[in-house]
Amino acid sequence: MQRTFLILIWLTFSLCCKSLTEAHNYKVELKHFYGSEGFTVHYFVNQNSIKVRYNCDFENCKDKLIYQTKLDRQKSTNFYSFLTSTNFDTLKSDYERNGFDGRYTTVKISGDSFKSKTINLVRFEHPIIEQLINEEDLLIPEIKYRLYSHKYKK
């Protein structure tokens, strides 16, 4: 009886720990085009890494990878927790504010435990997307590659 009880405790503990440390699949793309400046910054985040690409509208400018790093399990798990605790389903697919220039942002989110979603923001800042950008920025140790690098400079 006592042996069976210990085996049950061990199984419960091992299953709980496995689910806490298990890697979850997710993919987030944040594409920011700045019309007046003529450049695009494109962030790709998944459970293993984050990449930043840069492109511009100028002559001899080509799409290039400017930053990439692997995510440790803790950062990946924290980001996934943010994604699953944020209700992206309530967001509309398109937001636009009248005007001419500004930031055009496309957000694509997909993964385990939540529906895929694409959100387009034209000269519009939505609080949930701003929080997503802040969380994504914190995954990048080198401040100069963060979208909101000005927030972290001293």
Protein backbone atom coordinates (compact mmCIF):
# COMPACT_ATOMS: atom_id res chain seq x y z
CA MET A 1 0.00 0.00 0.00
CA GLN A 2 2.71 2.45 1.01
CA ARG A 3 4.77 1.50 -2.04
CA THR A 4 1.78 2.07 -4.34
CA PHE A 5 1.18 5.45 -2.72
CA LEU A 6 4.83 6.46 -3.27
CA ILE A 7 4.66 5.36 -6.90
CA LEU A 8 1.52 7.45 -7.42
CA ILE A 9 3.18 10.49 -5.86
CA TRP A 10 6.24 10.01 -8.03
CA LEU A 11 4.14 9.67 -11.21
CA THR A 12 2.11 12.75 -10.38
CA PHE A 13 5.23 14.78 -9.65
CA SER A 14 7.03 13.64 -12.81
CA LEU A 15 3.99 14.42 -15.01
CA CYS A 16 3.59 17.88 -13.47
CA CYS A 17 7.26 18.70 -13.88
CA LYS A 18 7.25 17.49 -17.47
CA SER A 19 4.36 19.78 -18.38
CA LEU A 20 6.10 22.74 -16.74
CA THR A 21 9.34 22.24 -18.64
CA GLU A 22 7.89 21.00 -21.91
CA ALA A 23 8.62 23.22 -24.91
CA HIS A 24 5.52 24.60 -26.57
CA ASN A 25 5.34 25.38 -30.24
CA TYR A 26 4.57 28.96 -31.19
CA LYS A 27 5.44 31.45 -33.88
CA VAL A 28 5.09 35.22 -33.75
CA GLU A 29 5.93 37.60 -36.58
CA LEU A 30 5.98 41.35 -36.06
CA LYS A 31 6.57 43.31 -39.25
CA HIS A 32 6.95 47.07 -38.88
CA PHE A 33 7.14 49.31 -41.95
CA TYR A 34 7.97 52.95 -41.43
CA GLY A 35 6.66 54.73 -44.54
CA SER A 36 8.31 58.12 -44.16
CA GLU A 37 11.70 56.63 -43.26
CA GLY A 38 11.41 53.91 -45.89
CA PHE A 39 12.48 50.85 -43.93
CA THR A 40 11.03 47.63 -42.56
CA VAL A 41 12.03 45.76 -39.40
CA HIS A 42 10.73 42.20 -39.22
CA TYR A 43 10.86 40.13 -36.01
CA PHE A 44 10.46 36.34 -36.04
CA VAL A 45 10.02 34.60 -32.68
CA ASN A 46 9.49 30.91 -32.03
CA GLN A 47 10.08 28.60 -29.10
CA ASN A 48 13.76 28.25 -30.03
CA SER A 49 14.95 31.63 -31.27
CA ILE A 50 14.35 35.23 -32.24
CA LYS A 51 15.52 36.78 -35.52
CA VAL A 52 15.46 40.36 -36.71
CA ARG A 53 15.56 41.28 -40.39
CA TYR A 54 15.95 44.73 -41.94
CA ASN A 55 15.03 46.03 -45.38
CA CYS A 56 14.59 49.46 -46.92
CA ASP A 57 13.23 51.19 -50.00
CA PHE A 58 16.54 52.73 -51.00
CA GLU A 59 18.79 51.80 -53.90
CA ASN A 60 21.20 48.94 -53.17
CA CYS A 61 19.31 48.05 -50.00
CA LYS A 62 18.58 44.36 -49.55
CA ASP A 63 16.74 42.32 -46.97
CA LYS A 64 19.27 41.15 -44.39
CA LEU A 65 19.38 39.31 -41.12
CA ILE A 66 20.73 41.81 -38.57
CA TYR A 67 20.27 39.83 -35.37
CA GLN A 68 19.48 36.36 -34.14
CA THR A 69 19.81 34.48 -30.89
CA LYS A 70 18.58 31.28 -29.32
CA LEU A 71 16.03 31.52 -26.54
CA ASP A 72 16.71 29.67 -23.34
CA ARG A 73 13.89 27.53 -21.99
CA GLN A 74 12.92 30.04 -19.30
CA LYS A 75 12.54 32.97 -21.71
CA SER A 76 10.67 30.80 -24.18
CA THR A 77 8.30 29.50 -21.50
CA ASN A 78 7.67 33.00 -20.14
CA PHE A 79 6.90 34.35 -23.61
CA TYR A 80 4.58 31.41 -24.30
CA SER A 81 2.81 32.06 -20.99
CA PHE A 82 2.30 35.68 -22.03
CA LEU A 83 0.88 34.54 -25.39
CA THR A 84 -1.55 32.06 -23.86
CA SER A 85 -2.68 34.49 -21.16
CA THR A 86 -3.38 37.28 -23.64
CA ASN A 87 -6.71 37.16 -25.41
CA PHE A 88 -5.74 37.95 -28.99
CA ASP A 89 -9.09 36.52 -30.16
CA THR A 90 -10.83 39.70 -29.01
CA LEU A 91 -8.77 41.84 -31.39
CA LYS A 92 -10.05 42.87 -34.79
CA SER A 93 -8.04 41.93 -37.87
CA ASP A 94 -7.56 45.56 -38.95
CA TYR A 95 -7.04 48.86 -37.16
CA GLU A 96 -6.41 52.12 -38.97
CA ARG A 97 -6.09 55.74 -38.00
CA ASN A 98 -6.41 58.45 -40.66
CA GLY A 99 -3.20 60.06 -41.84
CA PHE A 100 -0.39 59.76 -44.33
CA ASP A 101 2.80 58.47 -42.77
CA GLY A 102 3.48 56.37 -39.75
CA ARG A 103 4.15 52.82 -38.68
CA TYR A 104 2.38 49.99 -40.46
CA THR A 105 2.50 46.83 -38.35
CA THR A 106 1.45 43.30 -39.21
CA VAL A 107 1.28 40.75 -36.40
CA LYS A 108 0.95 37.02 -37.06
CA ILE A 109 0.53 34.66 -34.13
CA SER A 110 0.17 30.88 -34.20
CA GLY A 111 0.93 27.97 -31.94
CA ASP A 112 -0.20 25.35 -29.48
CA SER A 113 -3.21 26.24 -27.32
CA PHE A 114 -4.36 29.32 -29.21
CA LYS A 115 -5.88 30.18 -32.57
CA SER A 116 -3.81 31.64 -35.37
CA LYS A 117 -4.41 35.35 -35.82
CA THR A 118 -3.23 38.10 -38.16
CA ILE A 119 -3.66 41.72 -37.12
CA ASN A 120 -2.87 44.76 -39.27
CA LEU A 121 -2.34 48.15 -37.65
CA VAL A 122 -1.99 51.26 -39.78
CA ARG A 123 -0.82 54.29 -37.79
CA PHE A 124 -2.51 52.67 -34.81
CA GLU A 125 -1.18 51.59 -31.42
CA HIS A 126 -3.26 48.99 -29.60
CA PRO A 127 -2.44 48.35 -25.91
CA ILE A 128 -2.37 44.56 -26.32
CA ILE A 129 -0.04 44.75 -29.33
CA GLU A 130 2.14 47.29 -27.51
CA GLN A 131 2.48 44.80 -24.64
CA LEU A 132 3.37 42.07 -27.16
CA ILE A 133 6.08 44.33 -28.61
CA ASN A 134 7.42 45.04 -25.11
CA GLU A 135 7.52 41.32 -24.27
CA GLU A 136 9.24 40.58 -27.57
CA ASP A 137 11.78 43.36 -26.93
CA LEU A 138 12.70 41.78 -23.60
CA LEU A 139 13.76 38.60 -25.42
CA ILE A 140 16.57 40.55 -27.09
CA PRO A 141 19.56 41.14 -24.82
CA GLU A 142 21.19 43.66 -27.16
CA ILE A 143 19.16 46.84 -26.71
CA LYS A 144 19.95 48.34 -30.13
CA TYR A 145 17.95 45.56 -31.86
CA ARG A 146 14.79 46.09 -29.81
CA LEU A 147 11.95 47.90 -31.55
CA TYR A 148 11.57 50.27 -28.61
CA SER A 149 15.30 50.54 -27.88
CA HIS A 150 14.83 54.19 -26.84
CA LYS A 151 12.93 52.98 -23.75
CA TYR A 152 15.98 51.11 -22.47
CA LYS A 153 18.78 53.57 -23.24
CA LYS A 154 20.15 55.60 -20.38
